[in-house]
Amino acid sequence: MASKRRLRRKACGAKLRFNSHEEALIFLQERHLRGMAPYPCGFCGHYHVGHPNRHQRQAITASKDKTLW
């Protein structure tokens, strides 16, 4: 079983931390990073930026499809 310290280090150790969802979005827009999204971290309570997983991508495309009709 993995230690909590190792899990935390892997989850948010070397990642950029943002205080809010809006700060992370501004960072993405300034860097022109497409296909990435901010998400809350369960360990540090801040927001990180990363690629959405399969379930999140499906939800995003489903919400876009609803807006088209």
PDB file of N, CA and C in Angstrom:
ATOM      1  N   MET A   1       0.835  -1.172   0.000  1.00  0.00           N
ATOM      2  CA  MET A   1       0.000   0.000   0.000  1.00  0.00           C
ATOM      3  C   MET A   1       0.887   1.245   0.000  1.00  0.00           C
ATOM      4  N   ALA A   2       0.498   2.223  -0.798  1.00  0.00           N
ATOM      5  CA  ALA A   2       1.296   3.439  -0.929  1.00  0.00           C
ATOM      6  C   ALA A   2       1.098   4.343   0.287  1.00  0.00           C
ATOM      7  N   SER A   3       2.161   5.052   0.632  1.00  0.00           N
ATOM      8  CA  SER A   3       2.054   5.967   1.761  1.00  0.00           C
ATOM      9  C   SER A   3       1.332   7.248   1.334  1.00  0.00           C
ATOM     10  N   LYS A   4       0.708   7.920   2.289  1.00  0.00           N
ATOM     11  CA  LYS A   4      -0.006   9.159   1.985  1.00  0.00           C
ATOM     12  C   LYS A   4       0.962  10.244   1.532  1.00  0.00           C
ATOM     13  N   ARG A   5       2.159  10.243   2.079  1.00  0.00           N
ATOM     14  CA  ARG A   5       3.153  11.238   1.689  1.00  0.00           C
ATOM     15  C   ARG A   5       3.519  11.079   0.215  1.00  0.00           C
ATOM     16  N   ARG A   6       3.700   9.836  -0.220  1.00  0.00           N
ATOM     17  CA  ARG A   6       4.055   9.592  -1.619  1.00  0.00           C
ATOM     18  C   ARG A   6       2.901   9.978  -2.544  1.00  0.00           C
ATOM     19  N   LEU A   7       1.680   9.673  -2.122  1.00  0.00           N
ATOM     20  CA  LEU A   7       0.517  10.040  -2.925  1.00  0.00           C
ATOM     21  C   LEU A   7       0.396  11.552  -3.052  1.00  0.00           C
ATOM     22  N   ARG A   8       0.602  12.264  -1.964  1.00  0.00           N
ATOM     23  CA  ARG A   8       0.518  13.724  -2.006  1.00  0.00           C
ATOM     24  C   ARG A   8       1.616  14.299  -2.895  1.00  0.00           C
ATOM     25  N   ARG A   9       2.830  13.778  -2.767  1.00  0.00           N
ATOM     26  CA  ARG A   9       3.935  14.259  -3.579  1.00  0.00           C
ATOM     27  C   ARG A   9       3.633  14.074  -5.059  1.00  0.00           C
ATOM     28  N   LYS A  10       3.054  12.936  -5.402  1.00  0.00           N
ATOM     29  CA  LYS A  10       2.733  12.664  -6.793  1.00  0.00           C
ATOM     30  C   LYS A  10       1.553  13.518  -7.265  1.00  0.00           C
ATOM     31  N   ALA A  11       0.591  13.753  -6.389  1.00  0.00           N
ATOM     32  CA  ALA A  11      -0.616  14.480  -6.759  1.00  0.00           C
ATOM     33  C   ALA A  11      -0.370  15.975  -6.939  1.00  0.00           C
ATOM     34  N   CYS A  12       0.420  16.588  -6.054  1.00  0.00           N
ATOM     35  CA  CYS A  12       0.566  18.043  -6.163  1.00  0.00           C
ATOM     36  C   CYS A  12       1.954  18.558  -5.807  1.00  0.00           C
ATOM     37  N   GLY A  13       2.918  17.706  -5.667  1.00  0.00           N
ATOM     38  CA  GLY A  13       4.246  18.133  -5.233  1.00  0.00           C
ATOM     39  C   GLY A  13       4.927  19.135  -6.135  1.00  0.00           C
ATOM     40  N   ALA A  14       5.047  18.867  -7.412  1.00  0.00           N
ATOM     41  CA  ALA A  14       5.783  19.741  -8.323  1.00  0.00           C
ATOM     42  C   ALA A  14       4.860  20.526  -9.254  1.00  0.00           C
ATOM     43  N   LYS A  15       3.569  20.498  -8.986  1.00  0.00           N
ATOM     44  CA  LYS A  15       2.615  21.176  -9.874  1.00  0.00           C
ATOM     45  C   LYS A  15       2.422  22.629  -9.458  1.00  0.00           C
ATOM     46  N   LEU A  16       2.050  23.455 -10.427  1.00  0.00           N
ATOM     47  CA  LEU A  16       1.723  24.842 -10.132  1.00  0.00           C
ATOM     48  C   LEU A  16       0.437  24.902  -9.326  1.00  0.00           C
ATOM     49  N   ARG A  17       0.387  25.808  -8.365  1.00  0.00           N
ATOM     50  CA  ARG A  17      -0.803  25.959  -7.521  1.00  0.00           C
ATOM     51  C   ARG A  17      -1.442  27.311  -7.791  1.00  0.00           C
ATOM     52  N   PHE A  18      -2.746  27.308  -7.922  1.00  0.00           N
ATOM     53  CA  PHE A  18      -3.514  28.528  -8.121  1.00  0.00           C
ATOM     54  C   PHE A  18      -4.539  28.629  -7.009  1.00  0.00           C
ATOM     55  N   ASN A  19      -4.788  29.848  -6.547  1.00  0.00           N
ATOM     56  CA  ASN A  19      -5.721  30.049  -5.444  1.00  0.00           C
ATOM     57  C   ASN A  19      -7.172  29.887  -5.861  1.00  0.00           C
ATOM     58  N   SER A  20      -7.475  30.124  -7.134  1.00  0.00           N
ATOM     59  CA  SER A  20      -8.863  30.039  -7.580  1.00  0.00           C
ATOM     60  C   SER A  20      -8.932  29.439  -8.982  1.00  0.00           C
ATOM     61  N   HIS A  21     -10.125  29.036  -9.336  1.00  0.00           N
ATOM     62  CA  HIS A  21     -10.396  28.488 -10.657  1.00  0.00           C
ATOM     63  C   HIS A  21     -10.126  29.559 -11.722  1.00  0.00           C
ATOM     64  N   GLU A  22     -10.492  30.800 -11.425  1.00  0.00           N
ATOM     65  CA  GLU A  22     -10.313  31.903 -12.372  1.00  0.00           C
ATOM     66  C   GLU A  22      -8.836  32.180 -12.638  1.00  0.00           C
ATOM     67  N   GLU A  23      -8.005  32.128 -11.600  1.00  0.00           N
ATOM     68  CA  GLU A  23      -6.568  32.322 -11.784  1.00  0.00           C
ATOM     69  C   GLU A  23      -5.991  31.268 -12.719  1.00  0.00           C
ATOM     70  N   ALA A  24      -6.418  30.036 -12.554  1.00  0.00           N
ATOM     71  CA  ALA A  24      -5.924  28.952 -13.401  1.00  0.00           C
ATOM     72  C   ALA A  24      -6.387  29.142 -14.842  1.00  0.00           C
ATOM     73  N   LEU A  25      -7.622  29.605 -15.042  1.00  0.00           N
ATOM     74  CA  LEU A  25      -8.117  29.861 -16.395  1.00  0.00           C
ATOM     75  C   LEU A  25      -7.334  30.980 -17.075  1.00  0.00           C
ATOM     76  N   ILE A  26      -7.022  32.026 -16.322  1.00  0.00           N
ATOM     77  CA  ILE A  26      -6.224  33.125 -16.877  1.00  0.00           C
ATOM     78  C   ILE A  26      -4.852  32.619 -17.295  1.00  0.00           C
ATOM     79  N   PHE A  27      -4.243  31.774 -16.474  1.00  0.00           N
ATOM     80  CA  PHE A  27      -2.947  31.176 -16.808  1.00  0.00           C
ATOM     81  C   PHE A  27      -3.032  30.403 -18.121  1.00  0.00           C
ATOM     82  N   LEU A  28      -4.086  29.601 -18.278  1.00  0.00           N
ATOM     83  CA  LEU A  28      -4.251  28.826 -19.504  1.00  0.00           C
ATOM     84  C   LEU A  28      -4.435  29.722 -20.713  1.00  0.00           C
ATOM     85  N   GLN A  29      -5.192  30.798 -20.570  1.00  0.00           N
ATOM     86  CA  GLN A  29      -5.422  31.714 -21.681  1.00  0.00           C
ATOM     87  C   GLN A  29      -4.157  32.463 -22.066  1.00  0.00           C
ATOM     88  N   GLU A  30      -3.374  32.886 -21.068  1.00  0.00           N
ATOM     89  CA  GLU A  30      -2.138  33.609 -21.350  1.00  0.00           C
ATOM     90  C   GLU A  30      -1.110  32.732 -22.053  1.00  0.00           C
ATOM     91  N   ARG A  31      -1.083  31.462 -21.708  1.00  0.00           N
ATOM     92  CA  ARG A  31      -0.111  30.533 -22.294  1.00  0.00           C
ATOM     93  C   ARG A  31      -0.637  29.831 -23.545  1.00  0.00           C
ATOM     94  N   HIS A  32      -1.891  30.102 -23.899  1.00  0.00           N
ATOM     95  CA  HIS A  32      -2.541  29.487 -25.062  1.00  0.00           C
ATOM     96  C   HIS A  32      -2.514  27.965 -24.984  1.00  0.00           C
ATOM     97  N   LEU A  33      -2.791  27.441 -23.800  1.00  0.00           N
ATOM     98  CA  LEU A  33      -2.807  26.003 -23.588  1.00  0.00           C
ATOM     99  C   LEU A  33      -4.219  25.484 -23.816  1.00  0.00           C
ATOM    100  N   ARG A  34      -4.404  24.771 -24.891  1.00  0.00           N
ATOM    101  CA  ARG A  34      -5.721  24.223 -25.205  1.00  0.00           C
ATOM    102  C   ARG A  34      -5.781  22.766 -24.790  1.00  0.00           C
ATOM    103  N   GLY A  35      -6.973  22.310 -24.489  1.00  0.00           N
ATOM    104  CA  GLY A  35      -7.156  20.922 -24.098  1.00  0.00           C
ATOM    105  C   GLY A  35      -6.838  20.659 -22.638  1.00  0.00           C
ATOM    106  N   MET A  36      -6.549  21.713 -21.885  1.00  0.00           N
ATOM    107  CA  MET A  36      -6.257  21.556 -20.469  1.00  0.00           C
ATOM    108  C   MET A  36      -7.321  22.290 -19.667  1.00  0.00           C
ATOM    109  N   ALA A  37      -7.505  21.870 -18.436  1.00  0.00           N
ATOM    110  CA  ALA A  37      -8.540  22.462 -17.592  1.00  0.00           C
ATOM    111  C   ALA A  37      -8.075  22.505 -16.142  1.00  0.00           C
ATOM    112  N   PRO A  38      -8.505  23.520 -15.393  1.00  0.00           N
ATOM    113  CA  PRO A  38      -8.179  23.568 -13.970  1.00  0.00           C
ATOM    114  C   PRO A  38      -9.043  22.592 -13.177  1.00  0.00           C
ATOM    115  N   TYR A  39      -8.470  22.066 -12.098  1.00  0.00           N
ATOM    116  CA  TYR A  39      -9.214  21.154 -11.236  1.00  0.00           C
ATOM    117  C   TYR A  39      -8.778  21.355  -9.794  1.00  0.00           C
ATOM    118  N   PRO A  40      -9.693  21.172  -8.848  1.00  0.00           N
ATOM    119  CA  PRO A  40      -9.326  21.333  -7.435  1.00  0.00           C
ATOM    120  C   PRO A  40      -8.523  20.128  -6.944  1.00  0.00           C
ATOM    121  N   CYS A  41      -7.552  20.394  -6.090  1.00  0.00           N
ATOM    122  CA  CYS A  41      -6.719  19.338  -5.521  1.00  0.00           C
ATOM    123  C   CYS A  41      -7.279  18.929  -4.170  1.00  0.00           C
ATOM    124  N   GLY A  42      -7.426  17.644  -3.970  1.00  0.00           N
ATOM    125  CA  GLY A  42      -7.935  17.136  -2.706  1.00  0.00           C
ATOM    126  C   GLY A  42      -6.924  17.170  -1.578  1.00  0.00           C
ATOM    127  N   PHE A  43      -5.635  17.357  -1.903  1.00  0.00           N
ATOM    128  CA  PHE A  43      -4.601  17.365  -0.874  1.00  0.00           C
ATOM    129  C   PHE A  43      -4.304  18.767  -0.366  1.00  0.00           C
ATOM    130  N   CYS A  44      -4.076  19.712  -1.280  1.00  0.00           N
ATOM    131  CA  CYS A  44      -3.636  21.045  -0.847  1.00  0.00           C
ATOM    132  C   CYS A  44      -4.752  22.079  -0.844  1.00  0.00           C
ATOM    133  N   GLY A  45      -5.882  21.795  -1.481  1.00  0.00           N
ATOM    134  CA  GLY A  45      -6.990  22.728  -1.491  1.00  0.00           C
ATOM    135  C   GLY A  45      -6.876  23.818  -2.544  1.00  0.00           C
ATOM    136  N   HIS A  46      -5.799  23.817  -3.318  1.00  0.00           N
ATOM    137  CA  HIS A  46      -5.630  24.786  -4.392  1.00  0.00           C
ATOM    138  C   HIS A  46      -6.096  24.168  -5.710  1.00  0.00           C
ATOM    139  N   TYR A  47      -5.886  24.892  -6.804  1.00  0.00           N
ATOM    140  CA  TYR A  47      -6.234  24.378  -8.126  1.00  0.00           C
ATOM    141  C   TYR A  47      -4.963  24.096  -8.905  1.00  0.00           C
ATOM    142  N   HIS A  48      -4.980  23.024  -9.679  1.00  0.00           N
ATOM    143  CA  HIS A  48      -3.905  22.665 -10.589  1.00  0.00           C
ATOM    144  C   HIS A  48      -4.468  22.648 -12.004  1.00  0.00           C
ATOM    145  N   VAL A  49      -3.584  22.532 -12.992  1.00  0.00           N
ATOM    146  CA  VAL A  49      -3.984  22.500 -14.386  1.00  0.00           C
ATOM    147  C   VAL A  49      -3.548  21.173 -14.979  1.00  0.00           C
ATOM    148  N   GLY A  50      -4.447  20.538 -15.730  1.00  0.00           N
ATOM    149  CA  GLY A  50      -4.105  19.269 -16.349  1.00  0.00           C
ATOM    150  C   GLY A  50      -5.091  18.899 -17.435  1.00  0.00           C
ATOM    151  N   HIS A  51      -4.817  17.788 -18.069  1.00  0.00           N
ATOM    152  CA  HIS A  51      -5.712  17.283 -19.102  1.00  0.00           C
ATOM    153  C   HIS A  51      -6.900  16.601 -18.441  1.00  0.00           C
ATOM    154  N   PRO A  52      -8.116  16.860 -18.934  1.00  0.00           N
ATOM    155  CA  PRO A  52      -9.282  16.180 -18.357  1.00  0.00           C
ATOM    156  C   PRO A  52      -9.260  14.692 -18.684  1.00  0.00           C
ATOM    157  N   ASN A  53      -9.796  13.887 -17.757  1.00  0.00           N
ATOM    158  CA  ASN A  53      -9.843  12.450 -18.016  1.00  0.00           C
ATOM    159  C   ASN A  53     -11.002  12.117 -18.963  1.00  0.00           C
ATOM    160  N   ARG A  54     -11.155  10.883 -19.287  1.00  0.00           N
ATOM    161  CA  ARG A  54     -12.143  10.460 -20.284  1.00  0.00           C
ATOM    162  C   ARG A  54     -13.564  10.860 -19.890  1.00  0.00           C
ATOM    163  N   HIS A  55     -13.922  10.683 -18.633  1.00  0.00           N
ATOM    164  CA  HIS A  55     -15.275  11.005 -18.190  1.00  0.00           C
ATOM    165  C   HIS A  55     -15.531  12.513 -18.256  1.00  0.00           C
ATOM    166  N   GLN A  56     -14.533  13.303 -17.913  1.00  0.00           N
ATOM    167  CA  GLN A  56     -14.674  14.749 -17.984  1.00  0.00           C
ATOM    168  C   GLN A  56     -14.801  15.209 -19.439  1.00  0.00           C
ATOM    169  N   ARG A  57     -14.021  14.598 -20.342  1.00  0.00           N
ATOM    170  CA  ARG A  57     -14.124  14.960 -21.765  1.00  0.00           C
ATOM    171  C   ARG A  57     -15.501  14.632 -22.308  1.00  0.00           C
ATOM    172  N   GLN A  58     -16.064  13.485 -21.909  1.00  0.00           N
ATOM    173  CA  GLN A  58     -17.403  13.116 -22.365  1.00  0.00           C
ATOM    174  C   GLN A  58     -18.437  14.112 -21.859  1.00  0.00           C
ATOM    175  N   ALA A  59     -18.304  14.569 -20.639  1.00  0.00           N
ATOM    176  CA  ALA A  59     -19.243  15.546 -20.083  1.00  0.00           C
ATOM    177  C   ALA A  59     -19.128  16.882 -20.811  1.00  0.00           C
ATOM    178  N   ILE A  60     -17.902  17.272 -21.158  1.00  0.00           N
ATOM    179  CA  ILE A  60     -17.693  18.531 -21.876  1.00  0.00           C
ATOM    180  C   ILE A  60     -18.329  18.470 -23.258  1.00  0.00           C
ATOM    181  N   THR A  61     -18.089  17.372 -23.978  1.00  0.00           N
ATOM    182  CA  THR A  61     -18.667  17.266 -25.321  1.00  0.00           C
ATOM    183  C   THR A  61     -20.180  17.143 -25.260  1.00  0.00           C
ATOM    184  N   ALA A  62     -20.717  16.495 -24.234  1.00  0.00           N
ATOM    185  CA  ALA A  62     -22.169  16.385 -24.094  1.00  0.00           C
ATOM    186  C   ALA A  62     -22.786  17.756 -23.831  1.00  0.00           C
ATOM    187  N   SER A  63     -22.124  18.573 -23.015  1.00  0.00           N
ATOM    188  CA  SER A  63     -22.668  19.908 -22.738  1.00  0.00           C
ATOM    189  C   SER A  63     -22.574  20.794 -23.974  1.00  0.00           C
ATOM    190  N   LYS A  64     -21.538  20.624 -24.799  1.00  0.00           N
ATOM    191  CA  LYS A  64     -21.430  21.392 -26.036  1.00  0.00           C
ATOM    192  C   LYS A  64     -22.516  20.986 -27.027  1.00  0.00           C
ATOM    193  N   ASP A  65     -22.823  19.688 -27.077  1.00  0.00           N
ATOM    194  CA  ASP A  65     -23.864  19.207 -27.979  1.00  0.00           C
ATOM    195  C   ASP A  65     -25.235  19.756 -27.583  1.00  0.00           C
ATOM    196  N   LYS A  66     -25.487  19.903 -26.301  1.00  0.00           N
ATOM    197  CA  LYS A  66     -26.766  20.433 -25.834  1.00  0.00           C
ATOM    198  C   LYS A  66     -26.926  21.903 -26.205  1.00  0.00           C
ATOM    199  N   THR A  67     -25.832  22.645 -26.228  1.00  0.00           N
ATOM    200  CA  THR A  67     -25.926  24.062 -26.542  1.00  0.00           C
ATOM    201  C   THR A  67     -26.160  24.291 -28.039  1.00  0.00           C
ATOM    202  N   LEU A  68     -25.800  23.317 -28.859  1.00  0.00           N
ATOM    203  CA  LEU A  68     -25.991  23.473 -30.297  1.00  0.00           C
ATOM    204  C   LEU A  68     -27.451  23.330 -30.690  1.00  0.00           C
ATOM    205  N   TRP A  69     -28.247  22.634 -29.906  1.00  0.00           N
ATOM    206  CA  TRP A  69     -29.630  22.404 -30.280  1.00  0.00           C
ATOM    207  C   TRP A  69     -30.506  23.286 -29.527  1.00  0.00           C
TER     208      TRP A  69
END
